N, C-alpha and C. Protein backbone atom coordinates (compact mmCIF):
# COMPACT_ATOMS: atom_id res chain seq x y z
N MET A 1 0.85 -1.30 -0.14
CA MET A 1 0.14 -0.08 -0.05
C MET A 1 0.90 1.23 0.11
N LYS A 2 1.93 1.23 0.85
CA LYS A 2 2.88 2.31 0.92
C LYS A 2 3.45 2.73 -0.47
N TYR A 3 3.93 1.57 -1.21
CA TYR A 3 4.60 1.95 -2.40
C TYR A 3 3.73 2.22 -3.54
N ARG A 4 2.43 1.72 -3.42
CA ARG A 4 1.27 2.32 -4.24
C ARG A 4 1.03 3.68 -4.51
N LYS A 5 0.95 4.09 -3.03
CA LYS A 5 0.67 5.74 -2.97
C LYS A 5 1.85 6.40 -3.39
N ARG A 6 2.96 5.92 -3.00
CA ARG A 6 4.07 6.71 -3.57
C ARG A 6 4.14 6.68 -5.13
N LEU A 7 3.77 5.60 -5.81
CA LEU A 7 3.61 5.53 -7.15
C LEU A 7 2.67 6.32 -7.72
N ASP A 8 1.54 6.62 -7.23
CA ASP A 8 0.39 7.25 -7.49
C ASP A 8 0.94 8.77 -7.30
N LYS A 9 1.56 9.21 -6.44
CA LYS A 9 2.07 10.61 -6.42
C LYS A 9 3.12 10.81 -7.64
N ILE A 10 3.90 10.17 -7.88
CA ILE A 10 4.89 10.14 -8.87
C ILE A 10 4.27 10.24 -10.27
N ILE A 11 3.21 9.69 -10.55
CA ILE A 11 2.54 9.75 -11.84
C ILE A 11 1.80 10.91 -11.80
N ILE A 12 1.11 11.35 -10.89
CA ILE A 12 0.45 12.69 -10.97
C ILE A 12 1.46 13.86 -11.15
N ALA A 13 2.37 13.71 -10.17
CA ALA A 13 3.56 14.98 -10.32
C ALA A 13 4.12 14.88 -11.74
N PHE A 14 4.27 13.81 -12.66
CA PHE A 14 4.70 13.78 -13.81
C PHE A 14 3.97 14.43 -14.67
N ILE A 15 2.66 14.08 -14.52
CA ILE A 15 1.53 14.50 -15.61
C ILE A 15 1.38 16.18 -15.28
N LEU A 16 1.52 16.62 -13.98
CA LEU A 16 1.32 18.10 -13.76
C LEU A 16 2.42 18.71 -14.69
N VAL A 17 3.89 18.21 -14.60
CA VAL A 17 4.94 18.81 -15.12
C VAL A 17 4.91 18.85 -16.51
N CYS A 18 4.14 17.59 -17.29
CA CYS A 18 4.08 17.91 -18.54
C CYS A 18 3.08 18.81 -19.02
N VAL A 19 1.99 19.07 -18.44
CA VAL A 19 0.95 19.87 -18.71
C VAL A 19 1.46 21.36 -18.53
N THR A 20 2.12 21.63 -17.50
CA THR A 20 2.71 22.88 -17.10
C THR A 20 3.87 23.26 -18.25
N ALA A 21 4.75 22.12 -18.91
CA ALA A 21 5.62 22.59 -19.97
C ALA A 21 4.87 22.90 -21.14
N PHE A 22 3.79 22.02 -21.48
CA PHE A 22 3.01 22.23 -22.68
C PHE A 22 2.33 23.64 -22.77
N TYR A 23 1.73 23.86 -21.60
CA TYR A 23 1.05 25.16 -21.53
C TYR A 23 2.09 26.51 -21.76
N GLY A 24 3.23 26.18 -21.15
CA GLY A 24 4.24 27.30 -21.27
C GLY A 24 4.89 27.62 -22.80
N ASN A 25 4.77 26.37 -23.36
CA ASN A 25 5.20 26.43 -24.88
C ASN A 25 4.19 26.85 -25.93
N THR A 26 3.04 26.82 -25.42
CA THR A 26 1.82 27.16 -26.41
C THR A 26 0.98 28.32 -26.24
N ALA A 27 1.43 29.06 -24.94
CA ALA A 27 0.79 30.38 -24.54
C ALA A 27 0.89 31.29 -25.73
N TYR A 28 -0.22 31.88 -26.14
CA TYR A 28 -0.07 32.63 -27.50
C TYR A 28 0.69 34.06 -27.25
N ALA A 29 0.62 34.78 -25.93
CA ALA A 29 1.10 36.24 -26.02
C ALA A 29 1.60 36.51 -24.52
N GLU A 30 2.86 37.22 -24.45
CA GLU A 30 3.16 37.45 -23.31
C GLU A 30 3.28 38.94 -23.29
N LYS A 31 2.83 39.74 -22.46
CA LYS A 31 2.83 41.24 -22.58
C LYS A 31 4.12 41.68 -21.89
N THR A 32 4.63 42.75 -22.45
CA THR A 32 5.82 43.37 -21.92
C THR A 32 6.00 44.90 -22.36
N THR A 33 6.69 45.49 -22.02
CA THR A 33 6.77 46.96 -22.39
C THR A 33 7.54 47.12 -23.48
N ILE A 34 8.96 47.44 -23.25
CA ILE A 34 9.84 47.33 -24.63
C ILE A 34 10.87 46.41 -24.14
N PRO A 35 11.41 45.23 -24.77
CA PRO A 35 12.16 44.28 -24.30
C PRO A 35 13.60 45.08 -24.67
N ASP A 36 14.49 44.30 -23.94
CA ASP A 36 16.04 45.20 -24.12
C ASP A 36 16.58 45.06 -25.44
N GLY A 37 16.33 44.01 -26.00
CA GLY A 37 16.76 43.81 -27.38
C GLY A 37 15.78 44.57 -28.58
N PHE A 38 14.88 45.28 -28.20
CA PHE A 38 14.01 45.93 -29.11
C PHE A 38 14.27 47.65 -29.11
N VAL A 39 14.59 47.96 -30.31
CA VAL A 39 14.93 49.44 -30.22
C VAL A 39 14.03 50.36 -30.91
N ILE A 40 13.58 51.48 -30.29
CA ILE A 40 12.62 52.17 -30.77
C ILE A 40 13.14 53.72 -30.61
N ALA A 41 13.87 54.14 -31.59
CA ALA A 41 14.66 55.37 -31.65
C ALA A 41 14.44 56.38 -32.91
N ASP A 42 14.53 57.52 -32.59
CA ASP A 42 14.69 58.47 -33.94
C ASP A 42 15.92 58.89 -34.03
N ALA A 43 16.29 59.95 -35.19
CA ALA A 43 17.61 60.00 -35.65
C ALA A 43 18.36 61.00 -34.74
N ASP A 44 17.44 61.53 -33.77
CA ASP A 44 17.88 62.65 -32.83
C ASP A 44 18.48 61.93 -31.59
N GLY A 45 18.39 60.59 -31.37
CA GLY A 45 18.85 59.81 -30.43
C GLY A 45 17.65 59.54 -29.23
N ASN A 46 16.61 60.12 -29.57
CA ASN A 46 15.42 59.93 -28.46
C ASN A 46 14.89 58.58 -28.55
N GLN A 47 14.78 57.86 -27.56
CA GLN A 47 14.32 56.63 -27.47
C GLN A 47 12.95 56.39 -26.67
N ALA A 48 12.36 55.24 -27.02
CA ALA A 48 11.10 55.08 -26.16
C ALA A 48 11.53 54.54 -24.91
N SER A 49 11.13 54.82 -23.80
CA SER A 49 11.45 54.25 -22.58
C SER A 49 11.26 52.75 -22.36
N LYS A 50 12.19 52.10 -21.87
CA LYS A 50 11.83 50.48 -21.72
C LYS A 50 11.05 50.39 -20.39
N ASN A 51 10.73 51.28 -19.60
CA ASN A 51 9.88 50.98 -18.34
C ASN A 51 8.40 51.15 -18.90
N ASP A 52 8.12 52.21 -19.75
CA ASP A 52 6.61 52.52 -19.94
C ASP A 52 6.39 52.40 -21.60
N GLY A 53 7.33 52.56 -22.28
CA GLY A 53 7.38 52.70 -23.73
C GLY A 53 7.07 54.03 -24.04
N GLY A 54 7.24 55.05 -23.32
CA GLY A 54 6.87 56.43 -23.46
C GLY A 54 8.01 57.02 -24.41
N TYR A 55 7.35 57.69 -25.38
CA TYR A 55 8.14 58.68 -26.23
C TYR A 55 7.41 59.83 -26.55
N MET A 56 8.21 60.99 -26.73
CA MET A 56 7.92 62.36 -26.74
C MET A 56 8.45 63.13 -27.69
N VAL A 57 7.54 64.18 -28.34
CA VAL A 57 8.28 65.34 -29.17
C VAL A 57 7.79 66.65 -28.78
N THR A 58 8.80 67.50 -28.55
CA THR A 58 8.56 68.71 -28.04
C THR A 58 8.70 69.67 -28.94
N ALA A 59 7.69 70.55 -29.21
CA ALA A 59 7.57 71.62 -30.36
C ALA A 59 7.79 73.07 -29.74
N SER A 60 8.37 73.73 -29.93
CA SER A 60 8.52 75.08 -29.53
C SER A 60 9.53 75.99 -30.54
N ASP A 61 9.11 77.38 -30.36
CA ASP A 61 9.83 78.28 -31.41
C ASP A 61 9.49 77.79 -32.80
N ILE A 62 8.16 77.66 -33.06
CA ILE A 62 7.65 77.22 -34.44
C ILE A 62 6.76 78.26 -34.84
N ALA A 63 6.62 78.27 -36.21
CA ALA A 63 5.45 79.14 -36.82
C ALA A 63 4.17 78.55 -37.32
N PRO A 64 3.34 79.27 -37.52
CA PRO A 64 1.96 78.53 -38.04
C PRO A 64 2.47 78.00 -39.40
N GLY A 65 1.83 76.64 -39.60
CA GLY A 65 2.14 76.06 -40.91
C GLY A 65 3.46 75.17 -40.76
N ASP A 66 4.25 75.23 -39.85
CA ASP A 66 5.49 74.36 -39.68
C ASP A 66 5.17 72.91 -39.59
N ILE A 67 6.17 72.15 -40.14
CA ILE A 67 5.83 70.74 -40.27
C ILE A 67 7.10 70.07 -39.12
N ILE A 68 6.86 69.13 -38.40
CA ILE A 68 7.57 68.31 -37.61
C ILE A 68 7.80 66.98 -37.99
N ILE A 69 9.03 66.34 -38.52
CA ILE A 69 9.01 65.10 -39.05
C ILE A 69 9.72 64.35 -38.23
N LYS A 70 9.52 63.07 -37.75
CA LYS A 70 10.33 62.38 -36.94
C LYS A 70 10.34 60.80 -37.47
N ASN A 71 11.42 60.39 -38.00
CA ASN A 71 11.77 58.92 -38.57
C ASN A 71 12.16 58.20 -37.41
N ILE A 72 11.44 57.33 -37.11
CA ILE A 72 11.58 56.31 -35.90
C ILE A 72 11.77 54.70 -36.26
N THR A 73 13.08 54.47 -36.03
CA THR A 73 13.44 53.12 -36.17
C THR A 73 13.00 52.11 -35.27
N LEU A 74 12.28 51.03 -35.84
CA LEU A 74 11.65 50.15 -34.99
C LEU A 74 12.32 48.66 -35.40
N GLN A 75 13.29 47.98 -34.32
CA GLN A 75 14.17 47.13 -34.86
C GLN A 75 14.12 45.99 -33.58
N ASN A 76 14.05 44.78 -34.19
CA ASN A 76 13.88 43.75 -33.20
C ASN A 76 15.21 43.02 -33.15
N LEU A 77 16.02 43.25 -32.06
CA LEU A 77 17.42 42.56 -32.04
C LEU A 77 17.50 41.47 -31.09
N GLU A 78 16.33 40.99 -30.67
CA GLU A 78 16.22 39.98 -29.75
C GLU A 78 16.69 38.67 -30.46
N GLN A 79 17.01 37.63 -29.56
CA GLN A 79 17.65 36.27 -30.08
C GLN A 79 16.74 35.64 -31.01
N GLU A 80 17.10 34.70 -32.01
CA GLU A 80 16.29 34.06 -33.01
C GLU A 80 15.00 33.38 -32.41
N GLY A 81 14.10 33.53 -32.76
CA GLY A 81 12.75 33.01 -32.52
C GLY A 81 11.80 33.77 -31.57
N SER A 82 12.54 34.96 -31.32
CA SER A 82 11.66 36.15 -30.49
C SER A 82 10.98 37.12 -31.43
N ALA A 83 9.54 36.85 -31.41
CA ALA A 83 8.86 37.94 -32.15
C ALA A 83 7.97 38.78 -31.54
N TYR A 84 7.68 39.85 -31.77
CA TYR A 84 6.85 40.70 -31.05
C TYR A 84 5.89 41.39 -31.86
N ASP A 85 4.68 41.62 -31.26
CA ASP A 85 3.61 42.60 -32.06
C ASP A 85 3.79 43.85 -31.43
N LEU A 86 3.84 45.00 -32.17
CA LEU A 86 4.13 46.28 -31.58
C LEU A 86 2.80 47.28 -31.85
N TYR A 87 2.59 47.93 -30.64
CA TYR A 87 1.43 48.75 -30.86
C TYR A 87 1.78 50.17 -30.28
N MET A 88 0.81 50.94 -30.49
CA MET A 88 1.22 52.44 -30.32
C MET A 88 0.14 53.25 -29.91
N THR A 89 -0.26 53.89 -28.70
CA THR A 89 -1.18 54.49 -28.07
C THR A 89 -0.67 55.95 -28.01
N ALA A 90 -1.52 56.97 -27.87
CA ALA A 90 -1.24 58.36 -27.65
C ALA A 90 -1.73 58.69 -25.94
N LYS A 91 -1.15 59.59 -25.68
CA LYS A 91 -1.38 59.96 -24.32
C LYS A 91 -1.49 61.54 -24.15
N ALA A 92 -2.18 61.86 -23.30
CA ALA A 92 -2.42 63.47 -23.12
C ALA A 92 -1.28 64.23 -23.07
N GLY A 93 -1.05 65.21 -23.98
CA GLY A 93 0.23 66.06 -23.99
C GLY A 93 0.08 67.24 -23.11
N GLU A 94 1.25 68.00 -22.98
CA GLU A 94 1.10 69.42 -22.49
C GLU A 94 1.46 70.47 -23.13
N HIS A 95 0.85 71.72 -22.93
CA HIS A 95 1.18 72.90 -23.66
C HIS A 95 1.13 74.12 -22.70
N THR A 96 1.72 75.18 -23.33
CA THR A 96 1.92 76.32 -22.66
C THR A 96 1.83 77.40 -23.55
N GLY A 97 1.49 78.53 -23.23
CA GLY A 97 1.18 79.60 -23.90
C GLY A 97 -0.10 80.04 -24.45
N LEU A 98 -0.34 81.07 -25.32
CA LEU A 98 -1.67 81.42 -25.75
C LEU A 98 -2.21 80.41 -26.69
N VAL A 99 -1.45 79.69 -27.44
CA VAL A 99 -1.99 78.64 -28.23
C VAL A 99 -1.84 77.32 -27.89
N ASN A 100 -3.02 76.48 -27.94
CA ASN A 100 -2.86 75.02 -27.68
C ASN A 100 -2.49 74.22 -29.05
N LEU A 101 -0.97 74.20 -29.12
CA LEU A 101 -0.44 73.58 -30.17
C LEU A 101 -0.91 72.11 -30.37
N ILE A 102 -1.38 71.26 -29.31
CA ILE A 102 -1.83 70.09 -29.56
C ILE A 102 -3.31 69.99 -30.34
N GLU A 103 -4.23 71.15 -30.05
CA GLU A 103 -5.37 71.26 -30.73
C GLU A 103 -5.07 71.64 -32.03
N LYS A 104 -4.21 72.59 -32.22
CA LYS A 104 -3.74 73.07 -33.50
C LYS A 104 -2.87 72.34 -34.49
N SER A 105 -2.87 71.06 -34.15
CA SER A 105 -1.71 70.16 -34.91
C SER A 105 -2.41 68.97 -35.48
N SER A 106 -2.09 68.42 -36.52
CA SER A 106 -2.66 66.99 -37.21
C SER A 106 -1.36 66.23 -37.39
N MET A 107 -1.50 64.99 -37.56
CA MET A 107 -0.65 63.95 -37.66
C MET A 107 -0.83 62.96 -38.49
N VAL A 108 0.25 62.59 -39.31
CA VAL A 108 0.13 61.40 -40.23
C VAL A 108 1.26 60.46 -39.92
N ILE A 109 0.92 59.24 -39.75
CA ILE A 109 1.96 58.14 -39.51
C ILE A 109 1.99 57.16 -40.53
N GLU A 110 3.28 57.15 -41.11
CA GLU A 110 3.38 56.02 -42.21
C GLU A 110 4.55 54.92 -41.83
N LEU A 111 4.10 53.70 -42.04
CA LEU A 111 5.02 52.87 -41.79
C LEU A 111 5.47 52.01 -43.21
N ASP A 112 6.88 52.13 -43.47
CA ASP A 112 7.42 51.58 -44.62
C ASP A 112 6.74 52.40 -45.72
N ASN A 113 6.51 53.69 -45.63
CA ASN A 113 5.88 54.49 -46.69
C ASN A 113 4.53 54.39 -47.04
N ALA A 114 3.86 53.49 -46.04
CA ALA A 114 2.38 53.25 -46.15
C ALA A 114 1.65 54.05 -45.00
N GLU A 115 0.71 55.00 -45.56
CA GLU A 115 0.09 55.58 -44.22
C GLU A 115 -0.96 54.54 -43.64
N ILE A 116 -0.70 54.73 -42.08
CA ILE A 116 -1.58 53.71 -41.23
C ILE A 116 -2.43 54.69 -40.39
N TYR A 117 -2.25 56.16 -40.33
CA TYR A 117 -3.09 56.91 -39.57
C TYR A 117 -2.98 58.35 -39.91
N SER A 118 -4.25 59.05 -39.87
CA SER A 118 -4.16 60.42 -40.23
C SER A 118 -5.13 61.08 -39.49
N GLY A 119 -4.79 61.91 -38.63
CA GLY A 119 -5.76 62.70 -37.68
C GLY A 119 -5.29 63.45 -36.67
N PRO A 120 -5.81 63.74 -35.50
CA PRO A 120 -5.15 64.35 -34.39
C PRO A 120 -3.95 64.01 -33.89
N VAL A 121 -3.14 64.64 -33.29
CA VAL A 121 -1.80 64.23 -32.61
C VAL A 121 -2.29 63.37 -31.39
N ASP A 122 -3.38 63.77 -30.55
CA ASP A 122 -3.63 62.96 -29.37
C ASP A 122 -4.64 61.86 -29.68
N GLY A 123 -5.01 61.78 -30.82
CA GLY A 123 -5.90 60.66 -31.16
C GLY A 123 -7.20 60.66 -30.67
N ILE A 124 -7.79 61.95 -30.39
CA ILE A 124 -9.01 62.14 -29.57
C ILE A 124 -10.20 61.65 -30.67
N ASP A 125 -9.86 61.97 -32.00
CA ASP A 125 -11.06 61.78 -32.90
C ASP A 125 -11.45 60.32 -33.00
N GLY A 126 -12.50 60.05 -32.39
CA GLY A 126 -13.19 58.81 -32.33
C GLY A 126 -12.44 57.74 -31.17
N GLY A 127 -11.75 58.30 -30.52
CA GLY A 127 -11.20 57.49 -29.48
C GLY A 127 -9.94 56.85 -29.85
N LEU A 128 -9.54 56.82 -31.30
CA LEU A 128 -8.53 56.07 -31.93
C LEU A 128 -7.23 56.65 -31.29
N LEU A 129 -6.14 55.64 -31.11
CA LEU A 129 -4.72 56.06 -30.29
C LEU A 129 -4.91 56.24 -28.87
N GLN A 130 -5.91 56.50 -28.29
CA GLN A 130 -6.01 56.72 -26.98
C GLN A 130 -6.61 55.35 -26.29
N SER A 131 -7.65 54.90 -26.53
CA SER A 131 -8.46 53.90 -26.10
C SER A 131 -8.23 52.72 -27.02
N ASN A 132 -7.84 52.95 -28.19
CA ASN A 132 -7.46 51.78 -29.26
C ASN A 132 -6.03 51.79 -29.72
N ALA A 133 -5.30 50.80 -29.69
CA ALA A 133 -3.95 50.86 -29.99
C ALA A 133 -3.83 50.84 -31.53
N LEU A 134 -2.77 51.47 -31.91
CA LEU A 134 -2.52 51.33 -33.43
C LEU A 134 -1.40 50.34 -33.67
N SER A 135 -1.84 49.28 -34.47
CA SER A 135 -1.03 48.05 -34.81
C SER A 135 0.44 48.64 -35.70
N LEU A 136 1.65 48.48 -35.20
CA LEU A 136 2.64 48.60 -35.99
C LEU A 136 3.29 47.35 -36.65
N GLY A 137 2.67 46.29 -36.62
CA GLY A 137 3.00 45.09 -37.26
C GLY A 137 3.96 44.23 -36.36
N THR A 138 4.12 43.12 -36.81
CA THR A 138 4.79 42.08 -36.25
C THR A 138 6.21 42.07 -36.56
N TYR A 139 7.22 41.78 -35.57
CA TYR A 139 8.67 41.96 -35.86
C TYR A 139 9.39 40.72 -35.38
N ASN A 140 9.89 39.88 -36.26
CA ASN A 140 10.65 38.83 -35.95
C ASN A 140 12.03 39.30 -35.66
N SER A 141 12.78 38.31 -35.13
CA SER A 141 14.15 38.72 -34.82
C SER A 141 14.99 39.19 -36.12
N GLY A 142 15.62 40.15 -36.02
CA GLY A 142 16.39 40.84 -37.09
C GLY A 142 15.58 41.83 -37.92
N ASP A 143 13.97 42.04 -37.80
CA ASP A 143 13.33 42.76 -38.49
C ASP A 143 13.74 44.43 -38.21
N THR A 144 13.57 45.17 -39.15
CA THR A 144 13.84 46.54 -38.95
C THR A 144 12.57 47.44 -39.87
N ARG A 145 12.09 48.30 -39.40
CA ARG A 145 11.03 48.98 -40.13
C ARG A 145 11.13 50.63 -39.79
N VAL A 146 10.68 51.27 -40.40
CA VAL A 146 10.90 52.72 -40.04
C VAL A 146 9.45 53.42 -40.02
N ALA A 147 9.06 54.14 -39.04
CA ALA A 147 7.70 54.58 -38.80
C ALA A 147 8.11 56.21 -39.10
N LYS A 148 7.25 56.90 -39.99
CA LYS A 148 7.58 58.32 -40.29
C LYS A 148 6.34 58.99 -39.67
N ILE A 149 6.83 59.78 -38.43
CA ILE A 149 5.43 60.94 -37.87
C ILE A 149 5.79 62.18 -38.39
N THR A 150 4.51 62.67 -39.11
CA THR A 150 4.64 64.18 -39.69
C THR A 150 3.67 64.79 -38.83
N ILE A 151 3.98 65.67 -38.12
CA ILE A 151 3.10 66.72 -37.31
C ILE A 151 3.00 68.01 -37.97
N THR A 152 1.94 68.37 -38.45
CA THR A 152 1.69 69.58 -39.21
C THR A 152 0.99 70.68 -38.27
N ILE A 153 1.53 71.68 -38.02
CA ILE A 153 0.97 73.20 -37.09
C ILE A 153 0.11 73.74 -38.01
N ASP A 154 -1.20 73.97 -37.56
CA ASP A 154 -2.23 74.55 -38.25
C ASP A 154 -1.72 76.04 -38.47
N ASP A 155 -2.22 76.52 -39.58
CA ASP A 155 -1.77 77.96 -39.87
C ASP A 155 -2.84 79.06 -39.42
N GLY A 156 -3.70 78.70 -38.65
CA GLY A 156 -4.83 79.51 -38.34
C GLY A 156 -4.62 80.25 -36.75
N TRP A 157 -3.40 80.80 -36.68
CA TRP A 157 -3.03 81.52 -35.64
C TRP A 157 -1.96 82.62 -36.00
N SER A 158 -1.79 83.55 -35.10
CA SER A 158 -0.87 84.63 -35.27
C SER A 158 0.47 84.38 -35.09
N ILE A 159 1.61 84.61 -35.86
CA ILE A 159 2.98 84.50 -35.48
C ILE A 159 3.26 85.22 -34.05
N GLY A 160 2.38 86.17 -33.75
CA GLY A 160 2.67 86.82 -32.36
C GLY A 160 2.76 85.92 -31.32
N GLN A 161 1.90 84.73 -31.58
CA GLN A 161 1.76 83.89 -30.31
C GLN A 161 2.73 82.82 -30.37
N ILE A 162 3.97 83.16 -30.81
CA ILE A 162 5.24 82.27 -31.04
C ILE A 162 5.35 81.56 -29.84
N GLN A 163 5.33 82.18 -28.58
CA GLN A 163 5.95 81.80 -27.40
C GLN A 163 5.05 80.52 -26.99
N SER A 164 4.09 80.05 -27.64
CA SER A 164 3.51 78.68 -27.32
C SER A 164 4.26 77.49 -27.48
N LYS A 165 4.05 76.58 -26.86
CA LYS A 165 4.80 75.22 -26.58
C LYS A 165 4.17 74.17 -26.24
N ALA A 166 4.54 72.89 -26.92
CA ALA A 166 3.59 71.66 -26.72
C ALA A 166 4.43 70.35 -26.56
N THR A 167 4.23 69.43 -25.84
CA THR A 167 4.93 68.17 -25.69
C THR A 167 3.86 67.26 -26.24
N PHE A 168 4.03 66.48 -27.28
CA PHE A 168 3.49 65.24 -27.64
C PHE A 168 3.82 64.00 -27.27
N ARG A 169 2.93 63.15 -26.66
CA ARG A 169 3.41 61.95 -26.03
C ARG A 169 2.83 60.91 -26.77
N TRP A 170 3.33 59.66 -26.75
CA TRP A 170 3.03 58.55 -27.33
C TRP A 170 3.40 57.15 -26.45
N ASN A 171 2.94 56.03 -26.44
CA ASN A 171 3.38 54.84 -25.94
C ASN A 171 3.55 53.81 -26.90
N PHE A 172 4.59 53.14 -26.68
CA PHE A 172 4.73 51.88 -27.40
C PHE A 172 4.53 50.70 -26.47
N GLN A 173 4.03 49.58 -26.98
CA GLN A 173 3.89 48.37 -26.27
C GLN A 173 4.43 47.24 -27.28
N ALA A 174 5.06 46.28 -26.72
CA ALA A 174 5.51 45.10 -27.33
C ALA A 174 4.78 43.91 -26.74
N ILE A 175 4.22 42.92 -27.52
CA ILE A 175 3.30 41.73 -27.07
C ILE A 175 4.19 40.54 -27.79
N LYS A 176 4.80 39.68 -26.84
CA LYS A 176 5.44 38.54 -27.48
C LYS A 176 4.53 37.83 -28.33
N ASN A 177 4.72 37.56 -29.46
CA ASN A 177 4.18 36.63 -30.27
C ASN A 177 4.50 35.34 -30.33
N GLU A 178 3.89 34.22 -29.66
CA GLU A 178 4.45 32.78 -29.67
C GLU A 178 3.79 32.02 -30.63
N GLN A 179 3.04 32.60 -31.72
CA GLN A 179 2.81 31.89 -32.77
C GLN A 179 3.72 31.80 -33.97
N THR A 180 4.61 32.63 -33.77
CA THR A 180 5.67 32.77 -34.97
C THR A 180 6.39 31.59 -35.08
N VAL A 181 6.61 30.94 -36.27
CA VAL A 181 7.50 29.73 -36.45
C VAL A 181 8.69 29.88 -35.87
N PRO A 182 9.32 29.04 -35.05
CA PRO A 182 10.50 29.08 -34.47
C PRO A 182 11.68 28.79 -34.99
N SER A 183 12.95 28.71 -35.04
CA SER A 183 13.80 28.03 -35.80
C SER A 183 13.72 26.54 -35.80
N LYS A 184 14.38 26.02 -36.88
CA LYS A 184 14.48 24.54 -37.18
C LYS A 184 14.80 23.78 -35.89
N THR A 185 15.95 24.44 -35.34
CA THR A 185 16.48 23.77 -34.14
C THR A 185 15.59 23.75 -33.04
N GLY A 186 14.95 24.79 -32.74
CA GLY A 186 14.02 24.98 -31.83
C GLY A 186 12.86 24.04 -31.92
N GLN A 187 12.51 24.05 -33.18
CA GLN A 187 11.39 22.91 -33.48
C GLN A 187 11.65 21.64 -33.06
N ILE A 188 12.76 21.16 -33.50
CA ILE A 188 13.17 19.71 -33.30
C ILE A 188 13.38 19.52 -31.84
N ILE A 189 14.00 20.51 -30.96
CA ILE A 189 13.93 20.36 -29.40
C ILE A 189 12.65 20.23 -28.73
N THR A 190 11.56 21.07 -29.28
CA THR A 190 10.39 21.29 -28.67
C THR A 190 9.77 19.63 -29.00
N TYR A 191 9.66 19.49 -30.37
CA TYR A 191 9.02 18.12 -30.64
C TYR A 191 9.71 16.88 -29.79
N ALA A 192 11.05 16.84 -29.71
CA ALA A 192 11.61 15.96 -28.99
C ALA A 192 11.19 15.74 -27.63
N LEU A 193 11.01 17.08 -26.90
CA LEU A 193 10.47 17.10 -25.57
C LEU A 193 9.07 16.37 -25.37
N TYR A 194 8.28 16.91 -26.40
CA TYR A 194 6.98 16.43 -26.33
C TYR A 194 6.81 14.88 -26.59
N ILE A 195 7.62 14.31 -27.43
CA ILE A 195 7.56 12.87 -27.72
C ILE A 195 8.19 12.34 -26.41
N LEU A 196 9.22 12.72 -26.00
CA LEU A 196 9.76 12.10 -24.71
C LEU A 196 9.10 11.99 -23.57
N CYS A 197 8.22 13.14 -23.35
CA CYS A 197 7.15 13.28 -22.07
C CYS A 197 6.06 12.33 -22.35
N GLY A 198 5.57 12.13 -23.77
CA GLY A 198 4.83 11.09 -23.98
C GLY A 198 4.97 9.96 -23.75
N LEU A 199 6.19 9.19 -24.28
CA LEU A 199 6.70 7.90 -23.86
C LEU A 199 6.83 7.63 -22.68
N MET A 200 7.49 8.72 -21.74
CA MET A 200 7.57 8.34 -20.43
C MET A 200 6.30 8.31 -19.64
N LEU A 201 5.27 8.98 -20.01
CA LEU A 201 4.07 9.06 -19.60
C LEU A 201 3.25 7.72 -19.71
N VAL A 202 3.40 6.99 -21.05
CA VAL A 202 2.85 5.85 -21.25
C VAL A 202 3.65 4.79 -20.50
N ALA A 203 5.01 4.78 -20.31
CA ALA A 203 5.61 3.78 -19.64
C ALA A 203 5.15 3.70 -18.26
N LEU A 204 4.98 4.87 -17.61
CA LEU A 204 4.87 5.09 -16.11
C LEU A 204 3.29 4.20 -15.96
N CYS A 205 2.43 4.74 -16.91
CA CYS A 205 1.00 3.96 -16.68
C CYS A 205 0.94 2.58 -17.00
N PHE A 206 1.97 2.10 -17.94
CA PHE A 206 1.96 0.70 -17.92
C PHE A 206 2.59 0.08 -16.89
N LEU A 207 3.41 0.65 -16.10
CA LEU A 207 4.20 0.17 -14.97
C LEU A 207 3.14 0.03 -13.97
N TYR A 208 2.42 1.07 -13.92
CA TYR A 208 1.39 1.21 -12.87
C TYR A 208 0.13 0.17 -12.96
N PHE A 209 -0.05 0.01 -14.35
CA PHE A 209 -1.12 -1.26 -14.70
C PHE A 209 -0.66 -2.47 -14.15
N ILE A 210 0.50 -2.92 -14.41
CA ILE A 210 1.36 -4.02 -14.13
C ILE A 210 1.35 -4.33 -12.54
N TYR A 211 1.78 -3.12 -12.02
CA TYR A 211 2.04 -3.23 -10.48
C TYR A 211 0.60 -3.52 -9.64
N ARG A 212 -0.46 -2.92 -10.31
CA ARG A 212 -1.79 -2.93 -9.63
C ARG A 212 -2.29 -4.51 -9.97
N LYS A 213 -2.25 -5.04 -11.13
CA LYS A 213 -2.47 -6.33 -11.64
C LYS A 213 -1.79 -7.36 -10.56
N ARG A 214 -0.36 -7.26 -10.43
CA ARG A 214 0.49 -8.02 -9.58
C ARG A 214 -0.15 -8.08 -8.08
N ASN A 215 -0.58 -6.79 -7.58
CA ASN A 215 -1.08 -6.57 -6.29
C ASN A 215 -2.25 -7.49 -6.09
N LYS A 216 -3.27 -7.42 -7.25
CA LYS A 216 -4.40 -8.12 -6.99
C LYS A 216 -4.32 -9.64 -6.88
N LYS A 217 -3.41 -10.13 -7.68
CA LYS A 217 -3.07 -11.48 -7.59
C LYS A 217 -2.44 -11.90 -6.32
N GLU A 218 -1.48 -11.22 -5.76
CA GLU A 218 -0.97 -11.31 -4.41
C GLU A 218 -2.08 -11.55 -3.15
N ARG A 219 -3.15 -10.54 -3.37
CA ARG A 219 -4.28 -10.63 -2.33
C ARG A 219 -4.98 -11.95 -2.59
N LEU A 220 -5.15 -12.32 -3.77
CA LEU A 220 -5.94 -13.56 -3.97
C LEU A 220 -5.03 -14.83 -3.39
């Protein structure tokens, strides 16, 4: 009886280990902010914060009709097999002076020369960019893309209000994509582990069956 209980515990523990390993490898997405190997930076050296994904552009000493352009490099330098879905949201910015430059500005976002957004800088229009994240695509290991942000300052105000200043803010978020096909080596190792776990489970169940059958005979 003592050995039977011990064998029961071993089988149950092994099943739990197999289930945990399988779940850990098939989970679809793992949220993170900006992983260490993911680069989000413009030509001026401004980078998105690794802590909260925050990125900002400050507009000052500008005139009506001015245009601000930021080319942001999006690059996944993580190890092979690490893929991320990248998203962008807007945050409420700050402004000072007689003119609210946030309200007086519009924005266009292009990803690899294709327009993916056109509207207010803070994304208030229809809630887009604040409550709804803008997808910037999936980035496999080694992928690089360029997002071009063009901010146009409205010309419907006086040059005498030039002291106005604004800070535009956005947040980037990377979500790990587990459905991306891993490298061939990774696939072989994963499949081998699944097969090994399956064979060991079958062997344990077979031994358990033989053990119980032998016990019944001994009792008779």
